[in-house]
């Protein structure tokens, strides 16, 4: 997963674009899990949220790997 995308002459790494896309996706998943009461079973919510973000970022990078 190497490469960059050009926005009006500004080169932005792919991983930054994917990280920005994973952020609202992570927020939505966390809201759904909180509404379902899932966080009652989680020992450390901040650590779980970080791991969830990393997993979503990995899934996005694997899903977009064929585009590059």
PDB file of N, CA and C in Angstrom:
ATOM      1  N   UNK A   1       0.831  -1.163   0.000  1.00  0.00           N
ATOM      2  CA  UNK A   1       0.000   0.000   0.000  1.00  0.00           C
ATOM      3  C   UNK A   1       0.880   1.233   0.000  1.00  0.00           C
ATOM      4  N   UNK A   2       1.479   1.499  -1.105  1.00  0.00           N
ATOM      5  CA  UNK A   2       2.283   2.706  -1.229  1.00  0.00           C
ATOM      6  C   UNK A   2       1.634   3.599  -2.258  1.00  0.00           C
ATOM      7  N   UNK A   3       1.949   4.836  -2.195  1.00  0.00           N
ATOM      8  CA  UNK A   3       1.438   5.754  -3.184  1.00  0.00           C
ATOM      9  C   UNK A   3       0.821   6.981  -2.544  1.00  0.00           C
ATOM     10  N   UNK A   4       0.493   7.893  -3.414  1.00  0.00           N
ATOM     11  CA  UNK A   4      -0.069   9.143  -2.979  1.00  0.00           C
ATOM     12  C   UNK A   4      -1.187   9.545  -3.919  1.00  0.00           C
ATOM     13  N   UNK A   5      -1.998  10.453  -3.445  1.00  0.00           N
ATOM     14  CA  UNK A   5      -3.065  11.013  -4.256  1.00  0.00           C
ATOM     15  C   UNK A   5      -2.855  12.516  -4.305  1.00  0.00           C
ATOM     16  N   UNK A   6      -3.081  13.112  -5.438  1.00  0.00           N
ATOM     17  CA  UNK A   6      -2.854  14.539  -5.595  1.00  0.00           C
ATOM     18  C   UNK A   6      -4.175  15.293  -5.505  1.00  0.00           C
ATOM     19  N   UNK A   7      -4.226  16.246  -4.576  1.00  0.00           N
ATOM     20  CA  UNK A   7      -5.358  17.162  -4.464  1.00  0.00           C
ATOM     21  C   UNK A   7      -4.856  18.556  -4.820  1.00  0.00           C
ATOM     22  N   UNK A   8      -5.083  18.969  -6.049  1.00  0.00           N
ATOM     23  CA  UNK A   8      -4.674  20.290  -6.525  1.00  0.00           C
ATOM     24  C   UNK A   8      -3.197  20.556  -6.261  1.00  0.00           C
ATOM     25  N   UNK A   9      -2.380  19.581  -6.538  1.00  0.00           N
ATOM     26  CA  UNK A   9      -0.939  19.718  -6.388  1.00  0.00           C
ATOM     27  C   UNK A   9      -0.395  19.341  -5.021  1.00  0.00           C
ATOM     28  N   UNK A  10      -1.256  19.047  -4.083  1.00  0.00           N
ATOM     29  CA  UNK A  10      -0.820  18.629  -2.750  1.00  0.00           C
ATOM     30  C   UNK A  10      -0.890  17.113  -2.684  1.00  0.00           C
ATOM     31  N   UNK A  11       0.242  16.477  -2.475  1.00  0.00           N
ATOM     32  CA  UNK A  11       0.291  15.029  -2.430  1.00  0.00           C
ATOM     33  C   UNK A  11      -0.003  14.523  -1.022  1.00  0.00           C
ATOM     34  N   UNK A  12      -1.004  13.659  -0.930  1.00  0.00           N
ATOM     35  CA  UNK A  12      -1.456  13.125   0.354  1.00  0.00           C
ATOM     36  C   UNK A  12      -1.284  11.607   0.310  1.00  0.00           C
ATOM     37  N   UNK A  13      -0.660  11.013   1.336  1.00  0.00           N
ATOM     38  CA  UNK A  13      -0.495   9.557   1.354  1.00  0.00           C
ATOM     39  C   UNK A  13      -1.847   8.841   1.468  1.00  0.00           C
ATOM     40  N   UNK A  14      -1.940   7.679   0.879  1.00  0.00           N
ATOM     41  CA  UNK A  14      -3.178   6.894   0.924  1.00  0.00           C
ATOM     42  C   UNK A  14      -3.602   6.566   2.342  1.00  0.00           C
ATOM     43  N   UNK A  15      -2.626   6.270   3.190  1.00  0.00           N
ATOM     44  CA  UNK A  15      -2.959   5.863   4.553  1.00  0.00           C
ATOM     45  C   UNK A  15      -3.638   7.001   5.306  1.00  0.00           C
ATOM     46  N   UNK A  16      -3.289   8.241   4.983  1.00  0.00           N
ATOM     47  CA  UNK A  16      -3.944   9.373   5.636  1.00  0.00           C
ATOM     48  C   UNK A  16      -5.396   9.480   5.197  1.00  0.00           C
ATOM     49  N   UNK A  17      -5.649   9.255   3.926  1.00  0.00           N
ATOM     50  CA  UNK A  17      -7.027   9.286   3.432  1.00  0.00           C
ATOM     51  C   UNK A  17      -7.852   8.164   4.047  1.00  0.00           C
ATOM     52  N   UNK A  18      -7.250   7.001   4.170  1.00  0.00           N
ATOM     53  CA  UNK A  18      -7.960   5.881   4.780  1.00  0.00           C
ATOM     54  C   UNK A  18      -8.192   6.110   6.269  1.00  0.00           C
ATOM     55  N   UNK A  19      -7.226   6.734   6.934  1.00  0.00           N
ATOM     56  CA  UNK A  19      -7.384   7.031   8.359  1.00  0.00           C
ATOM     57  C   UNK A  19      -8.516   8.028   8.569  1.00  0.00           C
ATOM     58  N   UNK A  20      -8.628   9.002   7.689  1.00  0.00           N
ATOM     59  CA  UNK A  20      -9.722   9.968   7.786  1.00  0.00           C
ATOM     60  C   UNK A  20     -11.067   9.313   7.484  1.00  0.00           C
ATOM     61  N   UNK A  21     -11.087   8.318   6.617  1.00  0.00           N
ATOM     62  CA  UNK A  21     -12.332   7.614   6.306  1.00  0.00           C
ATOM     63  C   UNK A  21     -12.714   6.647   7.431  1.00  0.00           C
ATOM     64  N   UNK A  22     -11.727   6.100   8.117  1.00  0.00           N
ATOM     65  CA  UNK A  22     -12.012   5.146   9.194  1.00  0.00           C
ATOM     66  C   UNK A  22     -12.543   5.835  10.440  1.00  0.00           C
ATOM     67  N   UNK A  23     -12.243   7.112  10.593  1.00  0.00           N
ATOM     68  CA  UNK A  23     -12.668   7.832  11.785  1.00  0.00           C
ATOM     69  C   UNK A  23     -14.183   7.925  11.920  1.00  0.00           C
ATOM     70  N   UNK A  24     -14.942   8.422  10.924  1.00  0.00           N
ATOM     71  CA  UNK A  24     -16.404   8.437  11.080  1.00  0.00           C
ATOM     72  C   UNK A  24     -17.014   7.037  11.087  1.00  0.00           C
ATOM     73  N   UNK A  25     -16.380   6.113  10.395  1.00  0.00           N
ATOM     74  CA  UNK A  25     -16.867   4.733  10.419  1.00  0.00           C
ATOM     75  C   UNK A  25     -16.730   4.153  11.822  1.00  0.00           C
ATOM     76  N   UNK A  26     -15.616   4.422  12.464  1.00  0.00           N
ATOM     77  CA  UNK A  26     -15.410   3.970  13.837  1.00  0.00           C
ATOM     78  C   UNK A  26     -16.410   4.631  14.780  1.00  0.00           C
ATOM     79  N   UNK A  27     -16.661   5.895  14.582  1.00  0.00           N
ATOM     80  CA  UNK A  27     -17.632   6.606  15.415  1.00  0.00           C
ATOM     81  C   UNK A  27     -19.015   5.973  15.302  1.00  0.00           C
ATOM     82  N   UNK A  28     -19.424   5.635  14.076  1.00  0.00           N
ATOM     83  CA  UNK A  28     -20.724   5.007  13.877  1.00  0.00           C
ATOM     84  C   UNK A  28     -20.826   3.631  14.517  1.00  0.00           C
ATOM     85  N   UNK A  29     -19.783   2.844  14.392  1.00  0.00           N
ATOM     86  CA  UNK A  29     -19.781   1.503  14.991  1.00  0.00           C
ATOM     87  C   UNK A  29     -19.815   1.609  16.517  1.00  0.00           C
ATOM     88  N   UNK A  30     -19.063   2.566  17.068  1.00  0.00           N
ATOM     89  CA  UNK A  30     -19.078   2.752  18.525  1.00  0.00           C
ATOM     90  C   UNK A  30     -20.455   3.171  19.017  1.00  0.00           C
ATOM     91  N   UNK A  31     -21.135   4.012  18.255  1.00  0.00           N
ATOM     92  CA  UNK A  31     -22.492   4.426  18.647  1.00  0.00           C
ATOM     93  C   UNK A  31     -23.449   3.235  18.634  1.00  0.00           C
ATOM     94  N   UNK A  32     -23.326   2.399  17.622  1.00  0.00           N
ATOM     95  CA  UNK A  32     -24.183   1.217  17.552  1.00  0.00           C
ATOM     96  C   UNK A  32     -23.901   0.250  18.703  1.00  0.00           C
ATOM     97  N   UNK A  33     -22.629   0.053  19.009  1.00  0.00           N
ATOM     98  CA  UNK A  33     -22.273  -0.842  20.113  1.00  0.00           C
ATOM     99  C   UNK A  33     -22.730  -0.281  21.458  1.00  0.00           C
ATOM    100  N   UNK A  34     -22.633   1.030  21.628  1.00  0.00           N
ATOM    101  CA  UNK A  34     -23.084   1.642  22.878  1.00  0.00           C
ATOM    102  C   UNK A  34     -24.596   1.536  23.018  1.00  0.00           C
ATOM    103  N   UNK A  35     -25.329   1.708  21.925  1.00  0.00           N
ATOM    104  CA  UNK A  35     -26.794   1.599  21.968  1.00  0.00           C
ATOM    105  C   UNK A  35     -27.224   0.169  22.262  1.00  0.00           C
ATOM    106  N   UNK A  36     -26.438  -0.790  21.832  1.00  0.00           N
ATOM    107  CA  UNK A  36     -26.772  -2.196  22.083  1.00  0.00           C
ATOM    108  C   UNK A  36     -26.350  -2.645  23.480  1.00  0.00           C
ATOM    109  N   UNK A  37     -25.638  -1.793  24.220  1.00  0.00           N
ATOM    110  CA  UNK A  37     -25.207  -2.158  25.561  1.00  0.00           C
ATOM    111  C   UNK A  37     -23.966  -3.024  25.593  1.00  0.00           C
ATOM    112  N   UNK A  38     -23.205  -3.021  24.532  1.00  0.00           N
ATOM    113  CA  UNK A  38     -22.022  -3.868  24.433  1.00  0.00           C
ATOM    114  C   UNK A  38     -20.924  -3.450  25.404  1.00  0.00           C
ATOM    115  N   UNK A  39     -20.833  -2.160  25.696  1.00  0.00           N
ATOM    116  CA  UNK A  39     -19.742  -1.658  26.524  1.00  0.00           C
ATOM    117  C   UNK A  39     -19.858  -2.077  27.991  1.00  0.00           C
ATOM    118  N   UNK A  40     -20.972  -2.655  28.384  1.00  0.00           N
ATOM    119  CA  UNK A  40     -21.058  -3.211  29.737  1.00  0.00           C
ATOM    120  C   UNK A  40     -20.135  -4.400  29.910  1.00  0.00           C
ATOM    121  N   UNK A  41     -19.792  -5.050  28.819  1.00  0.00           N
ATOM    122  CA  UNK A  41     -18.947  -6.249  28.858  1.00  0.00           C
ATOM    123  C   UNK A  41     -17.483  -5.962  28.526  1.00  0.00           C
ATOM    124  N   UNK A  42     -17.171  -4.712  28.232  1.00  0.00           N
ATOM    125  CA  UNK A  42     -15.808  -4.342  27.841  1.00  0.00           C
ATOM    126  C   UNK A  42     -15.045  -3.859  29.072  1.00  0.00           C
ATOM    127  N   UNK A  43     -13.864  -4.421  29.285  1.00  0.00           N
ATOM    128  CA  UNK A  43     -13.069  -4.085  30.460  1.00  0.00           C
ATOM    129  C   UNK A  43     -12.503  -2.674  30.365  1.00  0.00           C
ATOM    130  N   UNK A  44     -11.942  -2.302  29.212  1.00  0.00           N
ATOM    131  CA  UNK A  44     -11.283  -1.008  29.047  1.00  0.00           C
ATOM    132  C   UNK A  44     -11.813  -0.376  27.754  1.00  0.00           C
ATOM    133  N   UNK A  45     -12.847   0.468  27.833  1.00  0.00           N
ATOM    134  CA  UNK A  45     -13.475   1.013  26.626  1.00  0.00           C
ATOM    135  C   UNK A  45     -12.535   1.801  25.712  1.00  0.00           C
ATOM    136  N   UNK A  46     -11.614   2.571  26.279  1.00  0.00           N
ATOM    137  CA  UNK A  46     -10.699   3.351  25.438  1.00  0.00           C
ATOM    138  C   UNK A  46      -9.775   2.437  24.639  1.00  0.00           C
ATOM    139  N   UNK A  47      -9.285   1.390  25.267  1.00  0.00           N
ATOM    140  CA  UNK A  47      -8.433   0.434  24.577  1.00  0.00           C
ATOM    141  C   UNK A  47      -9.225  -0.312  23.501  1.00  0.00           C
ATOM    142  N   UNK A  48     -10.464  -0.659  23.824  1.00  0.00           N
ATOM    143  CA  UNK A  48     -11.313  -1.328  22.849  1.00  0.00           C
ATOM    144  C   UNK A  48     -11.595  -0.419  21.655  1.00  0.00           C
ATOM    145  N   UNK A  49     -11.853   0.862  21.912  1.00  0.00           N
ATOM    146  CA  UNK A  49     -12.121   1.801  20.821  1.00  0.00           C
ATOM    147  C   UNK A  49     -10.903   1.979  19.917  1.00  0.00           C
ATOM    148  N   UNK A  50      -9.723   2.001  20.525  1.00  0.00           N
ATOM    149  CA  UNK A  50      -8.503   2.110  19.727  1.00  0.00           C
ATOM    150  C   UNK A  50      -8.307   0.873  18.855  1.00  0.00           C
ATOM    151  N   UNK A  51      -8.529  -0.289  19.430  1.00  0.00           N
ATOM    152  CA  UNK A  51      -8.393  -1.531  18.663  1.00  0.00           C
ATOM    153  C   UNK A  51      -9.438  -1.600  17.555  1.00  0.00           C
ATOM    154  N   UNK A  52     -10.639  -1.136  17.826  1.00  0.00           N
ATOM    155  CA  UNK A  52     -11.687  -1.114  16.811  1.00  0.00           C
ATOM    156  C   UNK A  52     -11.302  -0.212  15.650  1.00  0.00           C
ATOM    157  N   UNK A  53     -10.741   0.959  15.956  1.00  0.00           N
ATOM    158  CA  UNK A  53     -10.289   1.884  14.915  1.00  0.00           C
ATOM    159  C   UNK A  53      -9.188   1.254  14.055  1.00  0.00           C
ATOM    160  N   UNK A  54      -8.239   0.604  14.702  1.00  0.00           N
ATOM    161  CA  UNK A  54      -7.138  -0.028  13.962  1.00  0.00           C
ATOM    162  C   UNK A  54      -7.667  -1.148  13.073  1.00  0.00           C
ATOM    163  N   UNK A  55      -8.610  -1.923  13.574  1.00  0.00           N
ATOM    164  CA  UNK A  55      -9.189  -3.000  12.767  1.00  0.00           C
ATOM    165  C   UNK A  55      -9.979  -2.451  11.576  1.00  0.00           C
ATOM    166  N   UNK A  56     -10.706  -1.374  11.782  1.00  0.00           N
ATOM    167  CA  UNK A  56     -11.443  -0.769  10.668  1.00  0.00           C
ATOM    168  C   UNK A  56     -10.493  -0.159   9.643  1.00  0.00           C
ATOM    169  N   UNK A  57      -9.412   0.436  10.118  1.00  0.00           N
ATOM    170  CA  UNK A  57      -8.408   0.979   9.199  1.00  0.00           C
ATOM    171  C   UNK A  57      -7.759  -0.134   8.388  1.00  0.00           C
ATOM    172  N   UNK A  58      -7.463  -1.248   9.034  1.00  0.00           N
ATOM    173  CA  UNK A  58      -6.907  -2.400   8.314  1.00  0.00           C
ATOM    174  C   UNK A  58      -7.902  -2.933   7.282  1.00  0.00           C
ATOM    175  N   UNK A  59      -9.181  -3.024   7.672  1.00  0.00           N
ATOM    176  CA  UNK A  59     -10.194  -3.517   6.729  1.00  0.00           C
ATOM    177  C   UNK A  59     -10.339  -2.586   5.542  1.00  0.00           C
ATOM    178  N   UNK A  60     -10.289  -1.294   5.772  1.00  0.00           N
ATOM    179  CA  UNK A  60     -10.353  -0.353   4.648  1.00  0.00           C
ATOM    180  C   UNK A  60      -9.134  -0.468   3.752  1.00  0.00           C
ATOM    181  N   UNK A  61      -7.959  -0.647   4.351  1.00  0.00           N
ATOM    182  CA  UNK A  61      -6.752  -0.771   3.531  1.00  0.00           C
ATOM    183  C   UNK A  61      -6.771  -2.050   2.695  1.00  0.00           C
ATOM    184  N   UNK A  62      -7.313  -3.134   3.250  1.00  0.00           N
ATOM    185  CA  UNK A  62      -7.410  -4.376   2.477  1.00  0.00           C
ATOM    186  C   UNK A  62      -8.479  -4.256   1.392  1.00  0.00           C
ATOM    187  N   UNK A  63      -9.581  -3.562   1.710  1.00  0.00           N
ATOM    188  CA  UNK A  63     -10.669  -3.417   0.735  1.00  0.00           C
ATOM    189  C   UNK A  63     -10.256  -2.527  -0.442  1.00  0.00           C
ATOM    190  N   UNK A  64      -9.375  -1.573  -0.201  1.00  0.00           N
ATOM    191  CA  UNK A  64      -8.961  -0.659  -1.278  1.00  0.00           C
ATOM    192  C   UNK A  64      -7.630  -1.066  -1.891  1.00  0.00           C
ATOM    193  N   UNK A  65      -7.072  -2.171  -1.506  1.00  0.00           N
ATOM    194  CA  UNK A  65      -5.765  -2.584  -2.022  1.00  0.00           C
ATOM    195  C   UNK A  65      -5.811  -2.859  -3.534  1.00  0.00           C
ATOM    196  N   UNK A  66      -6.919  -3.306  -4.036  1.00  0.00           N
ATOM    197  CA  UNK A  66      -7.013  -3.619  -5.448  1.00  0.00           C
ATOM    198  C   UNK A  66      -7.122  -2.357  -6.314  1.00  0.00           C
ATOM    199  N   UNK A  67      -7.396  -1.204  -5.725  1.00  0.00           N
ATOM    200  CA  UNK A  67      -7.526   0.037  -6.487  1.00  0.00           C
ATOM    201  C   UNK A  67      -6.184   0.637  -6.869  1.00  0.00           C
ATOM    202  N   UNK A  68      -5.130   0.189  -6.207  1.00  0.00           N
ATOM    203  CA  UNK A  68      -3.827   0.835  -6.440  1.00  0.00           C
ATOM    204  C   UNK A  68      -2.974   0.028  -7.335  1.00  0.00           C
TER     205      UNK A  68
END
